[in-house]
Amino acid sequence: MRWIALVLVVAACSKGRPDDCAIVRDKPESAMAELSSRYPNNPVKVAETIEKCVAPSGEECDRIAKIVTAIPTLAPQLSLPKPFDYAEVCRHSPPELRRCLLPSYSLGHTLECQTEMKKTLTQLEIKPKNPEHPEGDTYPDDCAGFVSIYITKDGTWLATGRDDKARCFAPRKPAAPSATGELDADWLELQLRKLKATDCPPSSAELASAPDVAYRDVIATMDVSIKAGVPDVGLSEPDKLSVPLATANPKGAPSDCPPAVLHLADNAPGDHSSPTRDHAMPPDNQGPPSTNTKDALASAPVLVITKDALSLSAGSTKTELGSIADASKGTGNFVALTKALPPTKNGLLILQADASTPIAVINRVVSTAKAAGYTNVMFAVKKK
């Protein structure tokens, strides 16, 4: 859903309203500016006009997809994430959020749409798992199991069993010499969809990453898993994965995994037992929040991680927790965060982190929050 914010930014940046369809058609790169000057101080009307010119008719989500994909032409200074099925994303959104995907509606109903967009945050329930009794996990039958995913600077590992032959790997996409390429999201989605089509599909996935991997890669991988039909994604640490993927050699590794799944009951003495995991629930499964949930969101502490430092806002109190370097040092609970968090049981913490945050920092603050009684964490990405 991160592209939603981009749509709203485009609409908000126009200080007027879209104009004649001829302007939108013949001068798309300057249409916003020209029509805003012709219809000053009426952004809703401008947005409505552009929407009617770009997608005059059709099913609601198809129209939204056309409008979103027109953004790079109407606003060359902005770019969209890599292409995906915007119409399909729209159709999986609750009705209350779907109408907010239109810039004209969001501009005229700002508070309503801000509230709906907050509900799209992925909620994680942090619960310890016992290998003998995995409370919180849902296994429809004895066949259901899980897969292991491991992200590195080189690419993505997927394991459908504990044998070496049950591991597959996809390198990152090529990038400039000084940059890190993107993970191959299409490959991971294809592999997971193939598994979901088998007679014994995975019901969940455990996800870990190397310490030098950025938060954006973890969130992107969770998004792919949810999209592929494996919404129960648990965060783990490399050495606690059920399969030791951190020591696997990508050289010569196959690109396809066999159609199998991991089972907790298969653990043999000396094997890695199922780790303590966080469960990622997709927005579509959350349903409308209750009054208690809304109250919890309003009163929840907010942990903000920028490129340089961490801070916690709890009520009217804001506490500076230190630098990213401080949070990266050592292991165990992050003492500054433990001291700053208000006492609670089964509490909610909102975590807003810069996309480049090292995953080691994310893992440490989440573990600290869990130890302090915050059994629910809502993740968001802070772009700037």
Protein backbone atom coordinates (compact mmCIF):
# COMPACT_ATOMS: atom_id res chain seq x y z
CA MET A 1 0.00 0.00 0.00
CA ARG A 2 2.97 2.34 0.07
CA TRP A 3 2.10 3.61 -3.39
CA ILE A 4 -1.11 5.09 -1.92
CA ALA A 5 0.91 7.83 -0.25
CA LEU A 6 2.48 8.64 -3.60
CA VAL A 7 -0.93 9.15 -5.19
CA LEU A 8 -1.93 11.51 -2.40
CA VAL A 9 1.31 13.46 -2.69
CA VAL A 10 0.70 14.02 -6.38
CA ALA A 11 -2.77 15.33 -5.72
CA ALA A 12 -1.73 17.45 -2.76
CA CYS A 13 1.09 19.07 -4.68
CA SER A 14 -1.38 20.50 -7.22
CA LYS A 15 -2.57 23.85 -5.91
CA GLY A 16 -5.55 23.94 -8.19
CA ARG A 17 -7.71 21.52 -10.08
CA PRO A 18 -7.17 19.51 -13.31
CA ASP A 19 -8.53 21.27 -16.37
CA ASP A 20 -9.75 20.42 -19.79
CA CYS A 21 -9.02 16.89 -21.01
CA ALA A 22 -7.22 18.45 -23.97
CA ILE A 23 -4.60 19.86 -21.62
CA VAL A 24 -4.26 16.54 -19.81
CA ARG A 25 -3.95 14.76 -23.14
CA ASP A 26 -1.68 17.21 -25.01
CA LYS A 27 0.41 18.64 -22.17
CA PRO A 28 0.42 15.97 -19.46
CA GLU A 29 3.73 17.07 -17.92
CA SER A 30 2.38 20.58 -17.26
CA ALA A 31 -1.32 19.78 -16.92
CA MET A 32 -1.38 20.03 -13.15
CA ALA A 33 0.27 23.44 -13.08
CA GLU A 34 -1.77 24.91 -15.93
CA LEU A 35 -5.12 23.70 -14.73
CA SER A 36 -4.40 24.61 -11.13
CA SER A 37 -3.88 28.21 -12.23
CA ARG A 38 -7.15 28.11 -14.17
CA TYR A 39 -9.08 26.68 -11.22
CA PRO A 40 -7.30 28.15 -8.18
CA ASN A 41 -8.03 27.01 -4.63
CA ASN A 42 -10.13 24.04 -5.69
CA PRO A 43 -7.90 20.94 -5.59
CA VAL A 44 -10.84 18.54 -5.28
CA LYS A 45 -12.33 19.77 -8.54
CA VAL A 46 -8.92 19.61 -10.19
CA ALA A 47 -8.41 16.04 -9.07
CA GLU A 48 -11.89 15.02 -10.18
CA THR A 49 -11.29 16.53 -13.63
CA ILE A 50 -7.96 14.77 -14.12
CA GLU A 51 -9.47 11.48 -12.97
CA LYS A 52 -12.34 11.81 -15.46
CA CYS A 53 -9.91 12.66 -18.24
CA VAL A 54 -7.50 9.81 -17.50
CA ALA A 55 -10.14 7.16 -16.71
CA PRO A 56 -13.60 8.43 -17.69
CA SER A 57 -15.36 5.10 -17.19
CA GLY A 58 -14.93 1.52 -16.09
CA GLU A 59 -14.87 -0.51 -12.91
CA GLU A 60 -13.64 1.41 -9.84
CA CYS A 61 -10.36 -0.44 -9.33
CA ASP A 62 -9.55 -0.46 -13.03
CA ARG A 63 -10.00 3.32 -13.04
CA ILE A 64 -7.74 3.70 -10.01
CA ALA A 65 -5.07 1.58 -11.70
CA LYS A 66 -5.15 3.81 -14.79
CA ILE A 67 -4.90 6.95 -12.68
CA VAL A 68 -1.97 5.61 -10.65
CA THR A 69 -0.03 4.45 -13.70
CA ALA A 70 -0.51 7.91 -15.26
CA ILE A 71 1.41 9.57 -12.42
CA PRO A 72 4.90 9.43 -14.02
CA THR A 73 3.51 11.22 -17.09
CA LEU A 74 1.62 13.86 -15.13
CA ALA A 75 4.43 14.36 -12.64
CA PRO A 76 7.79 13.43 -14.23
CA GLN A 77 9.65 14.33 -11.04
CA LEU A 78 7.98 11.41 -9.26
CA SER A 79 8.35 7.72 -9.87
CA LEU A 80 6.31 4.68 -8.94
CA PRO A 81 7.54 1.46 -7.37
CA LYS A 82 8.21 -1.30 -9.87
CA PRO A 83 5.04 -2.24 -11.75
CA PHE A 84 2.50 -4.53 -10.14
CA ASP A 85 -1.24 -5.11 -10.39
CA TYR A 86 -2.68 -1.94 -8.85
CA ALA A 87 -6.23 -3.00 -9.70
CA GLU A 88 -5.76 -6.27 -7.81
CA VAL A 89 -4.36 -4.42 -4.77
CA CYS A 90 -7.41 -2.15 -4.87
CA ARG A 91 -9.82 -5.11 -5.00
CA HIS A 92 -8.22 -6.58 -1.89
CA SER A 93 -8.60 -3.31 0.02
CA PRO A 94 -11.59 -2.76 2.33
CA PRO A 95 -14.29 -0.48 0.83
CA GLU A 96 -13.52 2.29 3.33
CA LEU A 97 -9.93 2.48 2.09
CA ARG A 98 -10.68 1.82 -1.57
CA ARG A 99 -12.49 5.11 -2.10
CA CYS A 100 -9.56 6.94 -0.51
CA LEU A 101 -7.32 5.70 -3.31
CA LEU A 102 -8.90 8.36 -5.52
CA PRO A 103 -7.05 11.68 -4.95
CA SER A 104 -10.29 13.68 -5.28
CA TYR A 105 -11.96 11.75 -2.46
CA SER A 106 -8.90 11.78 -0.20
CA LEU A 107 -8.52 15.55 -0.61
CA GLY A 108 -12.13 16.11 0.40
CA HIS A 109 -12.05 13.65 3.29
CA THR A 110 -8.57 14.10 4.72
CA LEU A 111 -9.14 12.95 8.30
CA GLU A 112 -11.25 9.96 7.26
CA CYS A 113 -8.63 8.77 4.77
CA GLN A 114 -5.73 9.31 7.16
CA THR A 115 -7.52 7.06 9.64
CA GLU A 116 -8.16 4.40 7.00
CA MET A 117 -4.56 4.48 5.81
CA LYS A 118 -3.31 3.93 9.35
CA LYS A 119 -5.26 0.68 9.37
CA THR A 120 -3.08 -0.62 6.53
CA LEU A 121 -0.10 -0.91 8.84
CA THR A 122 0.92 -4.53 9.20
CA GLN A 123 0.21 -5.68 12.74
CA LEU A 124 2.56 -8.18 14.29
CA GLU A 125 1.58 -10.29 17.26
CA ILE A 126 4.72 -11.31 19.09
CA LYS A 127 4.12 -14.67 20.76
CA PRO A 128 6.60 -17.32 21.91
CA LYS A 129 6.17 -20.63 20.12
CA ASN A 130 6.64 -23.98 21.77
CA PRO A 131 7.86 -26.65 19.33
CA GLU A 132 5.51 -29.14 20.97
CA HIS A 133 2.47 -26.84 21.05
CA PRO A 134 2.78 -23.98 18.54
CA GLU A 135 0.03 -21.79 20.00
CA GLY A 136 -1.06 -19.10 17.61
CA ASP A 137 -0.14 -21.16 14.52
CA THR A 138 -3.00 -22.55 12.47
CA TYR A 139 -2.44 -25.87 10.77
CA PRO A 140 -5.56 -27.03 8.90
CA ASP A 141 -4.34 -30.64 8.91
CA ASP A 142 -1.27 -32.77 9.57
CA CYS A 143 0.10 -31.83 6.15
CA ALA A 144 0.37 -28.09 6.75
CA GLY A 145 3.81 -26.72 7.52
CA PHE A 146 6.01 -23.73 6.85
CA VAL A 147 8.97 -22.54 4.76
CA SER A 148 12.15 -20.70 5.71
CA ILE A 149 13.28 -17.50 3.98
CA TYR A 150 16.67 -15.89 4.46
CA ILE A 151 17.78 -12.55 2.95
CA THR A 152 21.41 -11.59 2.38
CA LYS A 153 23.34 -8.93 0.50
CA ASP A 154 23.68 -11.49 -2.29
CA GLY A 155 20.06 -12.54 -2.65
CA THR A 156 17.19 -14.62 -1.25
CA TRP A 157 17.18 -18.18 0.07
CA LEU A 158 14.07 -20.32 0.35
CA ALA A 159 13.96 -23.71 2.07
CA THR A 160 11.09 -26.17 1.85
CA GLY A 161 12.87 -28.92 3.78
CA ARG A 162 15.97 -29.56 5.87
CA ASP A 163 17.93 -31.33 3.16
CA ASP A 164 20.42 -29.35 1.06
CA LYS A 165 18.41 -30.26 -2.04
CA ALA A 166 15.36 -28.54 -0.58
CA ARG A 167 17.04 -25.12 -0.68
CA CYS A 168 16.86 -22.71 -3.60
CA PHE A 169 18.41 -19.31 -4.18
CA ALA A 170 17.87 -16.22 -6.34
CA PRO A 171 20.59 -13.53 -6.62
CA ARG A 172 19.76 -9.87 -6.40
CA LYS A 173 19.09 -8.00 -9.60
CA PRO A 174 22.11 -6.22 -11.16
CA ALA A 175 22.84 -2.72 -9.89
CA ALA A 176 25.49 -0.02 -10.17
CA PRO A 177 28.90 -1.04 -8.74
CA SER A 178 28.41 1.13 -5.64
CA ALA A 179 24.81 0.07 -5.02
CA THR A 180 22.97 -3.03 -3.83
CA GLY A 181 20.55 -4.56 -6.32
CA GLU A 182 16.92 -5.28 -5.55
CA LEU A 183 15.80 -8.65 -4.30
CA ASP A 184 14.12 -10.77 -6.95
CA ALA A 185 10.54 -10.39 -5.71
CA ASP A 186 9.09 -12.05 -8.82
CA TRP A 187 11.15 -15.18 -8.18
CA LEU A 188 10.02 -15.45 -4.56
CA GLU A 189 6.39 -14.89 -5.45
CA LEU A 190 6.60 -17.56 -8.16
CA GLN A 191 8.16 -20.08 -5.77
CA LEU A 192 5.59 -19.45 -3.04
CA ARG A 193 2.66 -19.58 -5.45
CA LYS A 194 3.95 -22.93 -6.78
CA LEU A 195 4.01 -24.25 -3.23
CA LYS A 196 0.53 -22.92 -2.49
CA ALA A 197 -0.77 -24.84 -5.52
CA THR A 198 0.45 -28.20 -4.16
CA ASP A 199 -1.54 -30.69 -2.11
CA CYS A 200 0.51 -29.73 0.95
CA PRO A 201 0.89 -25.93 0.87
CA PRO A 202 2.74 -23.95 3.55
CA SER A 203 0.57 -22.22 6.14
CA SER A 204 3.33 -19.83 7.26
CA ALA A 205 6.89 -18.69 6.69
CA GLU A 206 9.77 -17.86 9.01
CA LEU A 207 11.91 -14.95 7.83
CA ALA A 208 15.41 -13.90 8.85
CA SER A 209 18.09 -11.74 7.29
CA ALA A 210 21.78 -11.04 7.54
CA PRO A 211 22.67 -8.16 9.91
CA ASP A 212 23.70 -5.84 7.08
CA VAL A 213 20.37 -6.12 5.23
CA ALA A 214 18.11 -3.05 5.26
CA TYR A 215 14.64 -2.91 6.77
CA ARG A 216 13.14 -2.11 3.35
CA ASP A 217 14.13 -5.59 2.11
CA VAL A 218 12.44 -7.30 5.04
CA ILE A 219 9.19 -5.38 4.58
CA ALA A 220 9.28 -5.97 0.82
CA THR A 221 9.75 -9.71 1.38
CA MET A 222 6.85 -9.82 3.82
CA ASP A 223 4.69 -8.01 1.26
CA VAL A 224 5.57 -10.60 -1.40
CA SER A 225 4.79 -13.48 0.94
CA ILE A 226 1.40 -12.02 1.82
CA LYS A 227 0.65 -11.38 -1.86
CA ALA A 228 1.56 -14.98 -2.70
CA GLY A 229 -0.90 -16.36 -0.18
CA VAL A 230 1.41 -16.96 2.81
CA PRO A 231 0.29 -14.14 5.13
CA ASP A 232 1.61 -15.62 8.38
CA VAL A 233 5.22 -14.39 8.27
CA GLY A 234 7.32 -14.72 11.40
CA LEU A 235 10.47 -12.70 12.03
CA SER A 236 13.38 -14.74 13.32
CA GLU A 237 17.14 -14.47 13.68
CA PRO A 238 19.59 -16.25 11.35
CA ASP A 239 20.82 -18.76 13.91
CA LYS A 240 17.26 -19.61 14.98
CA LEU A 241 15.92 -20.54 11.57
CA SER A 242 14.78 -24.15 11.32
CA VAL A 243 17.20 -24.55 8.39
CA PRO A 244 20.79 -23.19 8.71
CA LEU A 245 20.60 -20.97 5.64
CA ALA A 246 23.13 -18.43 6.96
CA THR A 247 25.93 -20.90 6.22
CA ALA A 248 24.57 -22.06 2.86
CA ASN A 249 26.69 -21.43 -0.23
CA PRO A 250 24.77 -19.82 -3.12
CA LYS A 251 27.28 -21.09 -5.68
CA GLY A 252 25.58 -23.80 -7.66
CA ALA A 253 22.35 -23.56 -5.65
CA PRO A 254 19.24 -24.42 -7.70
CA SER A 255 16.72 -21.71 -8.57
CA ASP A 256 13.71 -23.93 -7.86
CA CYS A 257 12.69 -25.60 -4.62
CA PRO A 258 10.92 -28.97 -4.44
CA PRO A 259 7.20 -28.87 -3.57
CA ALA A 260 7.55 -29.68 0.12
CA VAL A 261 7.18 -27.96 3.49
CA LEU A 262 8.90 -28.01 6.86
CA HIS A 263 7.19 -29.61 9.87
CA LEU A 264 7.74 -28.95 13.54
CA ALA A 265 7.36 -32.67 14.24
CA ASP A 266 10.31 -33.43 11.96
CA ASN A 267 12.79 -31.82 14.34
CA ALA A 268 15.40 -34.31 15.36
CA PRO A 269 17.80 -33.98 18.32
CA GLY A 270 20.34 -31.35 17.47
CA ASP A 271 18.14 -29.69 14.84
CA HIS A 272 17.04 -26.10 15.17
CA SER A 273 13.67 -26.05 16.90
CA SER A 274 10.95 -23.69 15.77
CA PRO A 275 12.02 -20.21 16.87
CA THR A 276 10.10 -17.56 18.69
CA ARG A 277 8.40 -15.77 15.83
CA ASP A 278 6.35 -12.67 15.15
CA HIS A 279 3.21 -13.15 13.12
CA ALA A 280 2.49 -10.72 10.32
CA MET A 281 -1.21 -10.41 9.66
CA PRO A 282 -2.23 -8.84 6.34
CA PRO A 283 -4.44 -5.74 6.45
CA ASP A 284 -7.31 -7.55 4.68
CA ASN A 285 -7.60 -9.99 7.58
CA GLN A 286 -7.72 -7.39 10.30
CA GLY A 287 -11.28 -6.22 9.70
CA PRO A 288 -12.68 -2.97 11.08
CA PRO A 289 -10.94 -2.03 14.33
CA SER A 290 -12.94 -2.03 17.51
CA THR A 291 -13.22 1.00 19.73
CA ASN A 292 -10.60 -0.57 21.98
CA THR A 293 -8.21 -0.94 19.02
CA LYS A 294 -8.73 2.70 18.05
CA ASP A 295 -8.06 3.75 21.63
CA ALA A 296 -4.95 1.58 21.69
CA LEU A 297 -3.65 3.19 18.49
CA ALA A 298 -4.27 6.67 19.85
CA SER A 299 -2.43 5.98 23.10
CA ALA A 300 0.31 3.67 21.81
CA PRO A 301 3.95 4.78 22.20
CA VAL A 302 5.61 5.56 18.88
CA LEU A 303 9.21 4.52 18.31
CA VAL A 304 10.79 6.52 15.48
CA ILE A 305 14.03 5.40 13.87
CA THR A 306 15.66 7.85 11.48
CA LYS A 307 18.88 7.37 9.56
CA ASP A 308 20.80 8.67 12.57
CA ALA A 309 18.93 8.16 15.83
CA LEU A 310 16.03 6.66 17.78
CA SER A 311 13.35 8.40 19.83
CA LEU A 312 10.22 7.33 21.70
CA SER A 313 7.06 9.40 22.04
CA ALA A 314 4.75 8.24 24.82
CA GLY A 315 1.90 10.59 25.57
CA SER A 316 3.32 14.09 25.83
CA THR A 317 6.81 12.82 26.60
CA LYS A 318 9.47 12.40 23.93
CA THR A 319 12.69 10.60 24.86
CA GLU A 320 15.84 10.56 22.75
CA LEU A 321 17.21 7.02 22.93
CA GLY A 322 20.56 7.48 21.21
CA SER A 323 22.12 6.91 17.84
CA ILE A 324 21.80 4.04 15.40
CA ALA A 325 25.35 3.14 16.39
CA ASP A 326 24.25 2.88 20.03
CA ALA A 327 21.40 0.55 19.13
CA SER A 328 23.73 -1.55 16.99
CA LYS A 329 26.18 -2.17 19.81
CA GLY A 330 26.08 -5.38 21.76
CA THR A 331 23.22 -7.82 22.08
CA GLY A 332 20.23 -8.29 24.33
CA ASN A 333 17.71 -5.65 25.31
CA PHE A 334 18.32 -2.04 24.34
CA VAL A 335 18.50 -0.49 27.82
CA ALA A 336 17.54 3.06 26.80
CA LEU A 337 14.33 1.78 25.21
CA THR A 338 13.50 -0.45 28.18
CA LYS A 339 13.73 2.54 30.53
CA ALA A 340 11.65 4.80 28.29
CA LEU A 341 8.75 2.40 27.59
CA PRO A 342 5.77 2.82 29.95
CA PRO A 343 4.97 -0.35 31.94
CA THR A 344 2.35 -2.53 30.25
CA LYS A 345 1.07 -6.05 29.64
CA ASN A 346 0.03 -7.04 26.12
CA GLY A 347 0.69 -3.48 24.99
CA LEU A 348 0.88 -1.99 21.50
CA LEU A 349 3.95 -0.22 20.08
CA ILE A 350 4.03 1.61 16.74
CA LEU A 351 7.43 1.33 15.06
CA GLN A 352 8.22 3.84 12.31
CA ALA A 353 11.65 3.17 10.83
CA ASP A 354 13.66 4.58 7.96
CA ALA A 355 13.77 2.17 5.04
CA SER A 356 17.56 1.91 5.29
CA THR A 357 17.60 0.87 8.98
CA PRO A 358 19.83 -2.20 9.54
CA ILE A 359 17.70 -5.22 10.37
CA ALA A 360 19.92 -5.89 13.40
CA VAL A 361 18.54 -2.71 14.96
CA ILE A 362 14.95 -3.68 14.13
CA ASN A 363 15.41 -7.13 15.67
CA ARG A 364 16.90 -5.68 18.82
CA VAL A 365 14.18 -3.07 19.46
CA VAL A 366 11.40 -5.58 18.73
CA SER A 367 12.93 -8.06 21.19
CA THR A 368 13.26 -5.27 23.76
CA ALA A 369 9.63 -4.27 23.28
CA LYS A 370 8.47 -7.87 23.72
CA ALA A 371 10.47 -8.20 26.94
CA ALA A 372 8.86 -4.97 28.21
CA GLY A 373 5.34 -6.33 27.68
CA TYR A 374 4.55 -4.94 24.23
CA THR A 375 3.10 -8.04 22.58
CA ASN A 376 1.85 -6.17 19.52
CA VAL A 377 3.98 -4.12 17.13
CA MET A 378 2.75 -2.18 14.13
CA PHE A 379 5.40 -1.65 11.47
CA ALA A 380 5.62 1.33 9.12
CA VAL A 381 8.34 2.66 6.83
CA LYS A 382 9.65 6.18 7.34
CA LYS A 383 10.73 7.30 3.87
CA LYS A 384 12.58 10.49 4.94
